[in-house]
N, C-alpha and C. Protein backbone atom coordinates (compact mmCIF):
# COMPACT_ATOMS: atom_id res chain seq x y z
N MET A 1 160.78 67.69 289.08
CA MET A 1 161.22 66.41 288.56
C MET A 1 160.99 65.35 289.62
N TYR A 2 160.47 64.21 289.19
CA TYR A 2 160.19 63.10 290.09
C TYR A 2 161.41 62.19 290.15
N ARG A 3 161.85 61.83 291.34
CA ARG A 3 163.04 61.00 291.51
C ARG A 3 162.75 59.61 292.06
N GLY A 4 161.51 59.24 292.20
CA GLY A 4 161.19 57.93 292.75
C GLY A 4 161.12 57.98 294.26
N SER A 5 160.52 56.98 294.87
CA SER A 5 160.43 56.95 296.32
C SER A 5 160.23 55.53 296.80
N ASP A 6 160.57 55.32 298.07
CA ASP A 6 160.35 54.01 298.67
C ASP A 6 158.86 53.70 298.75
N LEU A 7 158.04 54.74 298.99
CA LEU A 7 156.60 54.53 299.06
C LEU A 7 156.07 54.03 297.72
N LEU A 8 156.46 54.69 296.63
CA LEU A 8 156.01 54.25 295.31
C LEU A 8 156.46 52.83 295.04
N ASN A 9 157.71 52.52 295.35
CA ASN A 9 158.21 51.17 295.12
C ASN A 9 157.43 50.14 295.92
N SER A 10 157.07 50.48 297.15
CA SER A 10 156.28 49.57 297.99
C SER A 10 154.88 49.36 297.41
N VAL A 11 154.26 50.43 296.95
CA VAL A 11 152.93 50.34 296.36
C VAL A 11 152.99 49.51 295.08
N LEU A 12 153.98 49.79 294.24
CA LEU A 12 154.12 49.04 292.99
C LEU A 12 154.37 47.56 293.25
N TYR A 13 155.17 47.25 294.25
CA TYR A 13 155.41 45.85 294.58
C TYR A 13 154.10 45.19 295.02
N ALA A 14 153.35 45.87 295.89
CA ALA A 14 152.09 45.31 296.39
C ALA A 14 151.11 45.05 295.24
N LEU A 15 151.10 45.94 294.26
CA LEU A 15 150.16 45.81 293.15
C LEU A 15 150.62 44.82 292.08
N CYS A 16 151.92 44.72 291.86
CA CYS A 16 152.41 44.01 290.67
C CYS A 16 153.21 42.74 290.92
N HIS A 17 153.47 42.38 292.17
CA HIS A 17 154.28 41.18 292.40
C HIS A 17 153.52 39.94 291.92
N GLY A 18 154.24 38.84 291.80
CA GLY A 18 153.69 37.64 291.19
C GLY A 18 152.40 37.11 291.78
N GLY A 19 152.16 37.28 293.08
CA GLY A 19 150.95 36.76 293.69
C GLY A 19 149.83 37.77 293.83
N SER A 20 150.02 38.97 293.31
CA SER A 20 149.03 40.03 293.46
C SER A 20 147.80 39.79 292.58
N PRO A 21 146.60 40.09 293.11
CA PRO A 21 145.40 39.99 292.27
C PRO A 21 145.37 41.06 291.17
N PHE A 22 146.24 42.08 291.27
CA PHE A 22 146.31 43.14 290.27
C PHE A 22 147.39 42.89 289.22
N ARG A 23 148.01 41.73 289.29
CA ARG A 23 149.10 41.40 288.38
C ARG A 23 148.68 41.54 286.91
N GLY A 24 147.48 41.10 286.59
CA GLY A 24 146.99 41.21 285.22
C GLY A 24 146.93 42.64 284.74
N LEU A 25 146.58 43.57 285.63
CA LEU A 25 146.55 44.98 285.28
C LEU A 25 147.96 45.48 284.98
N CYS A 26 148.93 45.05 285.76
CA CYS A 26 150.33 45.43 285.51
C CYS A 26 150.79 44.93 284.14
N VAL A 27 150.42 43.71 283.79
CA VAL A 27 150.78 43.15 282.48
C VAL A 27 150.11 43.96 281.37
N PHE A 28 148.85 44.30 281.56
CA PHE A 28 148.12 45.09 280.56
C PHE A 28 148.78 46.45 280.36
N ILE A 29 149.09 47.14 281.45
CA ILE A 29 149.72 48.46 281.35
C ILE A 29 151.06 48.35 280.65
N SER A 30 151.81 47.34 280.98
CA SER A 30 153.10 47.15 280.33
C SER A 30 152.94 46.93 278.84
N ASN A 31 152.02 46.07 278.46
CA ASN A 31 151.83 45.75 277.04
C ASN A 31 151.30 46.92 276.24
N VAL A 32 150.31 47.61 276.76
CA VAL A 32 149.65 48.65 276.00
C VAL A 32 150.31 50.01 276.16
N MET A 33 150.58 50.39 277.38
CA MET A 33 151.05 51.74 277.65
C MET A 33 152.57 51.89 277.52
N LEU A 34 153.31 50.89 277.89
CA LEU A 34 154.76 51.02 277.95
C LEU A 34 155.47 50.37 276.77
N GLY A 35 154.77 49.64 275.96
CA GLY A 35 155.39 49.07 274.78
C GLY A 35 156.16 47.79 275.00
N GLY A 36 156.05 47.19 276.16
CA GLY A 36 156.74 45.93 276.42
C GLY A 36 155.83 44.76 276.10
N ARG A 37 156.31 43.84 275.31
CA ARG A 37 155.48 42.70 274.95
C ARG A 37 156.16 41.36 275.32
N ASN A 38 157.44 41.40 275.51
CA ASN A 38 158.20 40.20 275.83
C ASN A 38 157.93 39.79 277.27
N ASP A 39 157.83 38.50 277.51
CA ASP A 39 157.56 38.02 278.87
C ASP A 39 158.79 38.00 279.76
N GLY A 40 159.94 38.39 279.26
CA GLY A 40 161.19 38.26 279.98
C GLY A 40 161.28 39.00 281.30
N TYR A 41 160.60 40.12 281.49
CA TYR A 41 160.69 40.81 282.77
C TYR A 41 159.41 40.73 283.56
N TYR A 42 158.56 39.78 283.21
CA TYR A 42 157.33 39.58 283.96
C TYR A 42 157.56 38.72 285.19
N GLY A 43 158.82 38.50 285.54
CA GLY A 43 159.14 37.66 286.69
C GLY A 43 158.47 38.13 287.97
N GLN A 44 158.61 37.38 289.00
CA GLN A 44 157.93 37.60 290.28
C GLN A 44 158.01 39.06 290.73
N ASN A 45 159.16 39.69 290.62
CA ASN A 45 159.32 41.05 291.12
C ASN A 45 159.73 42.04 290.04
N GLY A 46 159.61 41.67 288.79
CA GLY A 46 160.06 42.53 287.70
C GLY A 46 159.27 43.81 287.53
N PHE A 47 157.96 43.75 287.60
CA PHE A 47 157.14 44.94 287.35
C PHE A 47 157.43 46.10 288.29
N PRO A 48 157.49 45.89 289.59
CA PRO A 48 157.76 47.05 290.46
C PRO A 48 159.06 47.75 290.08
N PHE A 49 160.09 46.99 289.75
CA PHE A 49 161.36 47.59 289.34
C PHE A 49 161.21 48.38 288.06
N VAL A 50 160.55 47.79 287.07
CA VAL A 50 160.36 48.46 285.78
C VAL A 50 159.60 49.76 285.97
N TYR A 51 158.48 49.71 286.65
CA TYR A 51 157.65 50.90 286.81
C TYR A 51 158.34 51.99 287.62
N SER A 52 158.99 51.62 288.69
CA SER A 52 159.65 52.65 289.50
C SER A 52 160.83 53.26 288.75
N SER A 53 161.50 52.47 287.91
CA SER A 53 162.62 52.99 287.13
C SER A 53 162.14 53.96 286.05
N LEU A 54 161.00 53.68 285.47
CA LEU A 54 160.48 54.52 284.39
C LEU A 54 160.25 55.96 284.82
N PHE A 55 159.73 56.14 286.01
CA PHE A 55 159.35 57.47 286.45
C PHE A 55 160.45 58.20 287.20
N SER A 56 161.53 57.55 287.46
CA SER A 56 162.62 58.16 288.20
C SER A 56 163.35 59.17 287.32
N GLY A 57 163.41 60.43 287.76
CA GLY A 57 164.12 61.46 287.03
C GLY A 57 163.37 62.01 285.83
N MET A 58 162.07 61.78 285.74
CA MET A 58 161.29 62.23 284.59
C MET A 58 160.48 63.47 284.97
N SER A 59 160.56 64.49 284.14
CA SER A 59 159.80 65.71 284.42
C SER A 59 158.43 65.65 283.73
N VAL A 60 157.50 66.41 284.28
CA VAL A 60 156.16 66.49 283.69
C VAL A 60 156.25 67.07 282.28
N ARG A 61 157.12 68.05 282.10
CA ARG A 61 157.28 68.67 280.78
C ARG A 61 157.81 67.66 279.76
N ALA A 62 158.72 66.79 280.17
CA ALA A 62 159.23 65.77 279.25
C ALA A 62 158.12 64.83 278.82
N VAL A 63 157.26 64.45 279.74
CA VAL A 63 156.13 63.58 279.40
C VAL A 63 155.17 64.32 278.48
N ALA A 64 154.91 65.60 278.76
CA ALA A 64 154.03 66.41 277.90
C ALA A 64 154.61 66.53 276.49
N HIS A 65 155.92 66.72 276.40
CA HIS A 65 156.56 66.83 275.08
C HIS A 65 156.45 65.52 274.31
N LEU A 66 156.61 64.41 274.99
CA LEU A 66 156.44 63.11 274.35
C LEU A 66 155.02 62.97 273.81
N ALA A 67 154.05 63.38 274.60
CA ALA A 67 152.65 63.32 274.14
C ALA A 67 152.43 64.25 272.94
N GLN A 68 153.02 65.43 272.97
CA GLN A 68 152.90 66.35 271.84
C GLN A 68 153.46 65.72 270.57
N GLN A 69 154.60 65.08 270.68
CA GLN A 69 155.25 64.49 269.51
C GLN A 69 154.41 63.38 268.90
N THR A 70 153.60 62.74 269.71
CA THR A 70 152.74 61.68 269.20
C THR A 70 151.78 62.22 268.14
N PHE A 71 151.36 63.47 268.32
CA PHE A 71 150.37 64.05 267.41
C PHE A 71 150.94 65.10 266.47
N ALA A 72 152.18 65.51 266.66
CA ALA A 72 152.78 66.54 265.82
C ALA A 72 153.17 65.94 264.46
N PRO A 73 152.99 66.70 263.39
CA PRO A 73 153.36 66.19 262.07
C PRO A 73 154.87 66.27 261.81
N ARG A 74 155.62 66.85 262.75
CA ARG A 74 157.06 67.03 262.56
C ARG A 74 157.75 66.93 263.91
N LEU A 75 159.05 66.65 263.89
CA LEU A 75 159.80 66.55 265.13
C LEU A 75 160.23 67.95 265.55
N GLN A 76 159.56 68.48 266.54
CA GLN A 76 159.73 69.87 266.92
C GLN A 76 160.00 70.03 268.41
N MET A 77 160.44 71.22 268.77
CA MET A 77 160.68 71.55 270.16
C MET A 77 159.34 71.53 270.93
N TYR A 78 159.44 71.66 272.24
CA TYR A 78 158.27 71.68 273.11
C TYR A 78 157.35 72.85 272.75
N ASP A 79 156.05 72.59 272.67
CA ASP A 79 155.07 73.63 272.39
C ASP A 79 154.51 74.15 273.71
N TYR A 80 154.76 75.42 274.00
CA TYR A 80 154.31 76.02 275.25
C TYR A 80 152.81 76.27 275.29
N GLY A 81 152.14 76.13 274.16
CA GLY A 81 150.70 76.27 274.16
C GLY A 81 150.18 77.66 273.84
N SER A 82 151.06 78.62 273.74
CA SER A 82 150.63 79.97 273.37
C SER A 82 151.68 80.59 272.46
N PRO A 83 151.24 81.36 271.48
CA PRO A 83 152.19 82.01 270.57
C PRO A 83 153.19 82.90 271.30
N ALA A 84 152.75 83.58 272.35
CA ALA A 84 153.65 84.47 273.09
C ALA A 84 154.77 83.69 273.78
N GLU A 85 154.43 82.59 274.42
CA GLU A 85 155.46 81.79 275.10
C GLU A 85 156.40 81.12 274.10
N ASN A 86 155.84 80.64 272.99
CA ASN A 86 156.70 80.05 271.95
C ASN A 86 157.64 81.10 271.37
N ARG A 87 157.12 82.31 271.13
CA ARG A 87 157.97 83.39 270.60
C ARG A 87 159.09 83.72 271.58
N ALA A 88 158.78 83.76 272.88
CA ALA A 88 159.80 84.05 273.89
C ALA A 88 160.89 82.96 273.90
N ALA A 89 160.48 81.73 273.70
CA ALA A 89 161.44 80.61 273.76
C ALA A 89 162.20 80.42 272.45
N TYR A 90 161.51 80.58 271.31
CA TYR A 90 162.10 80.19 270.03
C TYR A 90 162.22 81.33 269.01
N GLY A 91 161.57 82.45 269.31
CA GLY A 91 161.58 83.55 268.35
C GLY A 91 160.53 83.41 267.26
N THR A 92 159.70 82.38 267.36
CA THR A 92 158.60 82.16 266.42
C THR A 92 157.36 81.76 267.21
N ILE A 93 156.18 81.89 266.58
CA ILE A 93 154.96 81.56 267.31
C ILE A 93 154.69 80.06 267.38
N VAL A 94 155.39 79.30 266.56
CA VAL A 94 155.27 77.83 266.61
C VAL A 94 156.64 77.27 267.01
N PRO A 95 156.65 76.11 267.64
CA PRO A 95 157.94 75.50 268.01
C PRO A 95 158.80 75.24 266.79
N THR A 96 160.09 75.44 266.94
CA THR A 96 161.01 75.21 265.82
C THR A 96 161.31 73.72 265.69
N LEU A 97 161.75 73.34 264.50
CA LEU A 97 162.16 71.96 264.26
C LEU A 97 163.52 71.72 264.89
N TYR A 98 163.79 70.49 265.23
CA TYR A 98 165.12 70.15 265.70
C TYR A 98 166.09 70.21 264.52
N ASN A 99 167.28 70.72 264.79
CA ASN A 99 168.31 70.81 263.76
C ASN A 99 169.26 69.62 263.93
N PHE A 100 169.03 68.59 263.16
CA PHE A 100 169.82 67.37 263.32
C PHE A 100 171.25 67.52 262.82
N THR A 101 171.54 68.54 262.05
CA THR A 101 172.92 68.73 261.60
C THR A 101 173.82 69.11 262.77
N ASP A 102 173.23 69.53 263.88
CA ASP A 102 174.01 69.85 265.08
C ASP A 102 174.48 68.60 265.84
N VAL A 103 173.92 67.45 265.50
CA VAL A 103 174.27 66.20 266.18
C VAL A 103 175.58 65.69 265.57
N THR A 104 176.65 65.76 266.33
CA THR A 104 177.96 65.38 265.80
C THR A 104 178.42 63.99 266.27
N ALA A 105 177.79 63.46 267.30
CA ALA A 105 178.17 62.14 267.82
C ALA A 105 177.62 61.05 266.91
N PRO A 106 178.32 59.92 266.82
CA PRO A 106 177.78 58.79 266.07
C PRO A 106 176.48 58.31 266.73
N VAL A 107 175.50 57.93 265.91
CA VAL A 107 174.19 57.52 266.42
C VAL A 107 173.89 56.09 265.98
N LEU A 108 173.50 55.29 266.95
CA LEU A 108 173.12 53.90 266.73
C LEU A 108 171.66 53.77 267.17
N PHE A 109 170.80 53.22 266.32
CA PHE A 109 169.41 53.01 266.68
C PHE A 109 169.20 51.56 267.06
N CYS A 110 168.48 51.35 268.15
CA CYS A 110 168.06 50.02 268.55
C CYS A 110 166.55 50.00 268.44
N SER A 111 166.03 49.05 267.71
CA SER A 111 164.60 48.98 267.46
C SER A 111 164.06 47.62 267.87
N ALA A 112 162.74 47.59 268.02
CA ALA A 112 162.06 46.35 268.36
C ALA A 112 160.89 46.15 267.41
N PRO A 113 160.64 44.91 267.01
CA PRO A 113 159.55 44.64 266.05
C PRO A 113 158.17 45.10 266.53
N ASN A 114 157.92 45.05 267.84
CA ASN A 114 156.62 45.45 268.38
C ASN A 114 156.70 46.76 269.15
N ASP A 115 157.53 47.68 268.69
CA ASP A 115 157.71 48.96 269.37
C ASP A 115 156.47 49.82 269.19
N ALA A 116 155.79 50.12 270.30
CA ALA A 116 154.56 50.92 270.25
C ALA A 116 154.86 52.42 270.25
N PHE A 117 156.09 52.81 270.52
CA PHE A 117 156.43 54.23 270.63
C PHE A 117 157.17 54.78 269.42
N MET A 118 157.98 53.98 268.79
CA MET A 118 158.80 54.46 267.69
C MET A 118 158.49 53.64 266.45
N SER A 119 157.76 54.23 265.53
CA SER A 119 157.38 53.50 264.33
C SER A 119 158.57 53.35 263.40
N ASN A 120 158.51 52.36 262.54
CA ASN A 120 159.56 52.15 261.56
C ASN A 120 159.70 53.38 260.67
N LYS A 121 158.60 54.01 260.33
CA LYS A 121 158.63 55.23 259.50
C LYS A 121 159.42 56.33 260.19
N ASP A 122 159.18 56.54 261.49
CA ASP A 122 159.91 57.56 262.24
C ASP A 122 161.40 57.26 262.31
N VAL A 123 161.74 56.00 262.51
CA VAL A 123 163.15 55.61 262.55
C VAL A 123 163.81 55.88 261.21
N GLN A 124 163.13 55.55 260.12
CA GLN A 124 163.68 55.80 258.78
C GLN A 124 163.94 57.29 258.55
N ILE A 125 163.02 58.14 259.01
CA ILE A 125 163.20 59.59 258.86
C ILE A 125 164.43 60.05 259.64
N LEU A 126 164.56 59.60 260.87
CA LEU A 126 165.71 60.00 261.68
C LEU A 126 167.02 59.49 261.10
N MET A 127 167.01 58.29 260.56
CA MET A 127 168.23 57.75 259.96
C MET A 127 168.68 58.62 258.78
N ARG A 128 167.74 59.15 258.02
CA ARG A 128 168.08 60.03 256.89
C ARG A 128 168.54 61.41 257.38
N GLU A 129 167.95 61.91 258.45
CA GLU A 129 168.22 63.27 258.92
C GLU A 129 169.53 63.39 259.70
N LEU A 130 169.90 62.37 260.44
CA LEU A 130 171.10 62.45 261.28
C LEU A 130 172.36 62.28 260.45
N PRO A 131 173.28 63.25 260.53
CA PRO A 131 174.48 63.20 259.70
C PRO A 131 175.46 62.09 260.08
N ASN A 132 175.42 61.63 261.30
CA ASN A 132 176.38 60.62 261.75
C ASN A 132 175.71 59.31 262.15
N PHE A 133 174.67 58.95 261.43
CA PHE A 133 173.99 57.68 261.66
C PHE A 133 174.97 56.55 261.34
N VAL A 134 175.12 55.61 262.27
CA VAL A 134 176.06 54.50 262.11
C VAL A 134 175.36 53.22 261.68
N LYS A 135 174.35 52.81 262.45
CA LYS A 135 173.70 51.53 262.19
C LYS A 135 172.39 51.45 262.94
N ARG A 136 171.52 50.62 262.43
CA ARG A 136 170.27 50.29 263.13
C ARG A 136 170.32 48.82 263.48
N ILE A 137 170.09 48.54 264.76
CA ILE A 137 170.02 47.16 265.22
C ILE A 137 168.55 46.86 265.51
N MET A 138 168.01 45.86 264.85
CA MET A 138 166.64 45.43 265.10
C MET A 138 166.70 44.17 265.96
N ALA A 139 166.03 44.21 267.10
CA ALA A 139 165.99 43.03 267.95
C ALA A 139 165.42 41.87 267.14
N PRO A 140 166.10 40.73 267.13
CA PRO A 140 165.65 39.61 266.30
C PRO A 140 164.44 38.88 266.88
N GLN A 141 164.07 39.19 268.09
CA GLN A 141 162.98 38.49 268.75
C GLN A 141 161.66 39.21 268.44
N GLU A 142 160.73 38.54 267.79
CA GLU A 142 159.49 39.14 267.29
C GLU A 142 158.61 39.74 268.38
N ASP A 143 158.68 39.21 269.61
CA ASP A 143 157.80 39.71 270.66
C ASP A 143 158.40 40.90 271.43
N TYR A 144 159.54 41.40 270.97
CA TYR A 144 160.18 42.54 271.64
C TYR A 144 159.42 43.84 271.36
N GLY A 145 159.21 44.62 272.43
CA GLY A 145 158.62 45.94 272.33
C GLY A 145 159.62 46.98 272.80
N HIS A 146 159.19 48.22 272.88
CA HIS A 146 160.05 49.35 273.23
C HIS A 146 160.79 49.13 274.56
N MET A 147 160.06 48.77 275.59
CA MET A 147 160.67 48.63 276.91
C MET A 147 161.50 47.35 277.04
N ASP A 148 161.25 46.39 276.18
CA ASP A 148 162.04 45.15 276.23
C ASP A 148 163.50 45.42 275.92
N LEU A 149 163.77 46.44 275.11
CA LEU A 149 165.16 46.79 274.79
C LEU A 149 165.94 47.16 276.04
N VAL A 150 165.24 47.58 277.07
CA VAL A 150 165.89 47.99 278.32
C VAL A 150 165.73 46.93 279.41
N PHE A 151 164.52 46.40 279.57
CA PHE A 151 164.20 45.62 280.76
C PHE A 151 164.11 44.11 280.61
N ALA A 152 164.06 43.60 279.40
CA ALA A 152 163.91 42.14 279.24
C ALA A 152 165.13 41.43 279.82
N LYS A 153 164.89 40.29 280.44
CA LYS A 153 165.98 39.54 281.06
C LYS A 153 167.03 39.10 280.05
N ASN A 154 166.62 38.91 278.80
CA ASN A 154 167.57 38.44 277.79
C ASN A 154 168.07 39.58 276.90
N ALA A 155 167.88 40.83 277.31
CA ALA A 155 168.30 41.99 276.49
C ALA A 155 169.80 41.97 276.22
N LYS A 156 170.59 41.49 277.16
CA LYS A 156 172.04 41.44 276.95
C LYS A 156 172.38 40.60 275.73
N GLU A 157 171.78 39.43 275.65
CA GLU A 157 172.06 38.54 274.52
C GLU A 157 171.39 39.04 273.24
N VAL A 158 170.20 39.57 273.36
CA VAL A 158 169.42 39.95 272.17
C VAL A 158 169.92 41.25 271.55
N ILE A 159 170.37 42.21 272.38
CA ILE A 159 170.70 43.52 271.82
C ILE A 159 171.98 44.16 272.38
N TYR A 160 172.22 44.05 273.67
CA TYR A 160 173.34 44.78 274.30
C TYR A 160 174.71 44.35 273.79
N ASN A 161 174.91 43.05 273.60
CA ASN A 161 176.22 42.58 273.15
C ASN A 161 176.62 43.23 271.82
N GLU A 162 175.68 43.34 270.90
CA GLU A 162 175.97 43.97 269.61
C GLU A 162 176.25 45.46 269.78
N ILE A 163 175.51 46.12 270.66
CA ILE A 163 175.75 47.54 270.92
C ILE A 163 177.17 47.75 271.44
N ILE A 164 177.58 46.94 272.38
CA ILE A 164 178.92 47.06 272.96
C ILE A 164 179.99 46.83 271.91
N ASN A 165 179.80 45.85 271.05
CA ASN A 165 180.78 45.59 269.98
C ASN A 165 180.89 46.78 269.04
N ILE A 166 179.80 47.42 268.70
CA ILE A 166 179.84 48.59 267.84
C ILE A 166 180.51 49.76 268.55
N MET A 167 180.21 49.95 269.83
CA MET A 167 180.79 51.06 270.60
C MET A 167 182.30 50.95 270.71
N LYS A 168 182.83 49.76 270.63
CA LYS A 168 184.29 49.57 270.70
C LYS A 168 185.01 50.21 269.53
N ASN A 169 184.27 50.51 268.47
CA ASN A 169 184.86 51.15 267.30
C ASN A 169 184.97 52.67 267.44
N TYR A 170 184.43 53.23 268.51
CA TYR A 170 184.40 54.69 268.65
C TYR A 170 185.06 55.16 269.91
């Protein structure tokens, strides 16, 4: 598991700070790869923080599973790549589906109009499958993407305040 480092943060700052000649590349990566479209965290030092935070505590297997889900026709467990390994892990040669009836906590979805990672169709499926779905909050700002829900400077006003008000009920 990767936990971040001062070296990575220094490199990211050098590449992505406001005066860097590579700043445009950082904006491109954010828009295309990370799902952020809002200009709110493009501030002078925003990118190094965003990028270093993204990779902190993330395992290679978690990233591989995310990539698998992009192409899988169903929401399933991690695919080990061989029938023998899948059988050892799940008792079947293919990964098993997630059992959403096991989710007992209330679930709140936060979505963004320009979310490159979570399609509206996928959100609708999860809302139907989860037994304790409470509400879906759609960011009202049209330029919001997936990462804007976390990193945009105005996320508190756009999305967090409503989340906190809903959480007070539980």
